[in-house]
Amino acid sequence: MGNRDFKYVMHDLTNIYIGAKHTYDELLVSEDVPFKLKTLISRFVLREVAGETKIEDHIFYLKETDMSYQIFKEMKARFRLSVWKDENDGVKRPGYQSKTYRIHEIIGNEELMRKKDITIVEEVHITKLGLMSVSL
């Protein structure tokens, strides 16, 4: 994979898509990230993790009591993950399978926690309505 794979910010009318290879510091200086999301990151997320933390690294270490967890949950953020599946998982051909998860489905999932080192976190998807619904 190239250096820029999974490192993007895209918008459409109702959604924001963020590549999970971004660090929080990179998101704060990006012109494509909405101001409210930057505010949530700087006020709440950066109190718990360093700015050079990548989103992909952060989500597997969240606890339900963390403010970052609450922010992702309130925004109804969804994370696209590619999880390695093999014969032990009941598939005929081993390989990565892509699926979208909400933050509580990641934190509470023993399989994902066990496979976190071989799971590829691709993208964070936030609806603009979900972002607007978070009160500061």
Protein backbone atom coordinates (compact mmCIF):
# COMPACT_ATOMS: atom_id res chain seq x y z
CA MET A 1 0.00 0.00 0.00
CA GLY A 2 1.16 3.48 -0.76
CA ASN A 3 1.87 6.18 1.78
CA ARG A 4 -1.38 8.01 0.91
CA ASP A 5 -3.67 4.94 1.05
CA PHE A 6 -6.37 5.46 3.68
CA LYS A 7 -5.23 9.05 4.22
CA TYR A 8 -7.93 11.29 2.80
CA VAL A 9 -10.88 13.48 3.77
CA MET A 10 -13.90 13.48 1.45
CA HIS A 11 -17.36 15.00 1.69
CA ASP A 12 -20.66 14.63 -0.05
CA LEU A 13 -23.95 16.30 0.82
CA THR A 14 -24.58 14.28 3.96
CA ASN A 15 -21.36 12.45 4.85
CA ILE A 16 -17.72 12.88 5.81
CA TYR A 17 -15.24 10.12 5.03
CA ILE A 18 -11.83 10.16 6.72
CA GLY A 19 -8.98 7.77 5.99
CA ALA A 20 -7.94 6.06 9.22
CA LYS A 21 -4.20 6.55 8.64
CA HIS A 22 -4.57 10.23 9.58
CA THR A 23 -3.18 11.43 12.87
CA TYR A 24 -5.31 13.76 14.94
CA ASP A 25 -2.76 16.56 14.39
CA GLU A 26 -3.12 16.13 10.61
CA LEU A 27 -6.89 16.40 10.90
CA LEU A 28 -6.60 19.61 12.89
CA VAL A 29 -4.63 21.34 10.13
CA SER A 30 -6.63 19.93 7.22
CA GLU A 31 -8.85 22.44 5.43
CA ASP A 32 -11.26 19.62 4.53
CA VAL A 33 -12.18 18.75 8.12
CA PRO A 34 -15.25 20.60 9.44
CA PHE A 35 -14.62 23.10 12.22
CA LYS A 36 -16.91 21.30 14.67
CA LEU A 37 -15.01 18.04 14.22
CA LYS A 38 -11.71 19.87 14.79
CA THR A 39 -13.20 21.36 17.95
CA LEU A 40 -14.28 17.95 19.24
CA ILE A 41 -10.83 16.53 18.53
CA SER A 42 -8.97 19.37 20.23
CA ARG A 43 -11.30 19.66 23.24
CA PHE A 44 -11.87 16.01 24.01
CA VAL A 45 -9.80 13.51 22.03
CA LEU A 46 -6.43 15.22 22.52
CA ARG A 47 -6.96 15.18 26.28
CA GLU A 48 -6.67 11.38 26.12
CA VAL A 49 -4.15 10.73 23.34
CA ALA A 50 -1.17 12.43 21.72
CA GLY A 51 -1.72 14.38 18.51
CA GLU A 52 0.48 12.00 16.53
CA THR A 53 -1.87 9.11 17.33
CA LYS A 54 -3.50 7.62 14.24
CA ILE A 55 -7.22 6.93 14.27
CA GLU A 56 -6.53 3.30 13.33
CA ASP A 57 -4.35 2.85 16.42
CA HIS A 58 -6.64 4.72 18.78
CA ILE A 59 -9.92 2.86 18.37
CA PHE A 60 -8.69 -0.52 19.64
CA TYR A 61 -7.53 1.01 22.93
CA LEU A 62 -10.67 2.94 23.79
CA LYS A 63 -12.70 2.14 26.88
CA GLU A 64 -16.40 2.87 27.29
CA THR A 65 -15.53 5.46 29.95
CA ASP A 66 -13.26 7.47 27.60
CA MET A 67 -14.56 10.76 26.26
CA SER A 68 -13.23 9.81 22.79
CA TYR A 69 -15.45 6.74 22.86
CA GLN A 70 -18.43 8.91 23.82
CA ILE A 71 -17.67 11.38 21.01
CA PHE A 72 -17.48 8.63 18.37
CA LYS A 73 -20.66 7.09 19.75
CA GLU A 74 -22.56 10.41 19.82
CA MET A 75 -21.52 11.17 16.23
CA LYS A 76 -22.69 7.67 15.27
CA ALA A 77 -19.32 7.18 13.61
CA ARG A 78 -18.85 4.01 11.61
CA PHE A 79 -15.50 2.39 10.96
CA ARG A 80 -14.74 0.28 7.89
CA LEU A 81 -12.40 -2.55 8.86
CA SER A 82 -10.86 -5.34 6.84
CA VAL A 83 -10.59 -8.38 9.10
CA TRP A 84 -8.54 -11.47 8.28
CA LYS A 85 -10.71 -14.58 8.02
CA ASP A 86 -9.41 -18.13 7.66
CA GLU A 87 -10.66 -21.71 7.98
CA ASN A 88 -11.02 -21.28 11.76
CA ASP A 89 -13.55 -18.51 11.07
CA GLY A 90 -15.64 -20.76 8.83
CA VAL A 91 -14.61 -19.42 5.42
CA LYS A 92 -13.44 -21.61 2.55
CA ARG A 93 -10.81 -19.21 1.23
CA PRO A 94 -8.69 -17.22 3.68
CA GLY A 95 -8.50 -13.48 3.13
CA TYR A 96 -9.56 -10.06 4.31
CA GLN A 97 -13.26 -9.28 4.56
CA SER A 98 -14.41 -5.68 4.76
CA LYS A 99 -17.23 -4.73 7.12
CA THR A 100 -18.49 -1.55 8.77
CA TYR A 101 -18.75 -1.35 12.58
CA ARG A 102 -19.95 1.21 15.10
CA ILE A 103 -17.53 1.97 17.94
CA HIS A 104 -19.42 -0.12 20.53
CA GLU A 105 -19.29 -3.10 18.16
CA ILE A 106 -15.50 -2.82 17.97
CA ILE A 107 -14.87 -2.38 21.70
CA GLY A 108 -17.18 -5.24 22.65
CA ASN A 109 -15.95 -7.67 19.99
CA GLU A 110 -13.50 -10.31 21.27
CA GLU A 111 -12.59 -11.46 17.75
CA LEU A 112 -11.65 -7.93 16.65
CA MET A 113 -9.63 -7.36 19.82
CA ARG A 114 -7.80 -10.65 19.30
CA LYS A 115 -7.06 -9.78 15.64
CA LYS A 116 -6.34 -6.05 16.11
CA ASP A 117 -2.72 -6.40 14.93
CA ILE A 118 -3.77 -7.92 11.60
CA THR A 119 -6.94 -5.87 11.08
CA ILE A 120 -6.80 -2.96 8.66
CA VAL A 121 -8.78 0.07 9.76
CA GLU A 122 -9.65 1.77 6.47
CA GLU A 123 -12.06 4.60 7.10
CA VAL A 124 -14.16 6.59 9.53
CA HIS A 125 -17.58 7.58 8.22
CA ILE A 126 -19.48 10.34 9.99
CA THR A 127 -22.80 11.71 8.85
CA LYS A 128 -23.05 15.48 8.94
CA LEU A 129 -26.30 15.09 10.90
CA GLY A 130 -24.47 12.92 13.45
CA LEU A 131 -21.75 15.55 13.78
CA MET A 132 -24.35 18.32 14.19
CA SER A 133 -26.16 16.32 16.89
CA VAL A 134 -23.16 16.44 19.25
CA SER A 135 -23.49 19.37 21.61
CA LEU A 136 -20.37 21.11 22.85
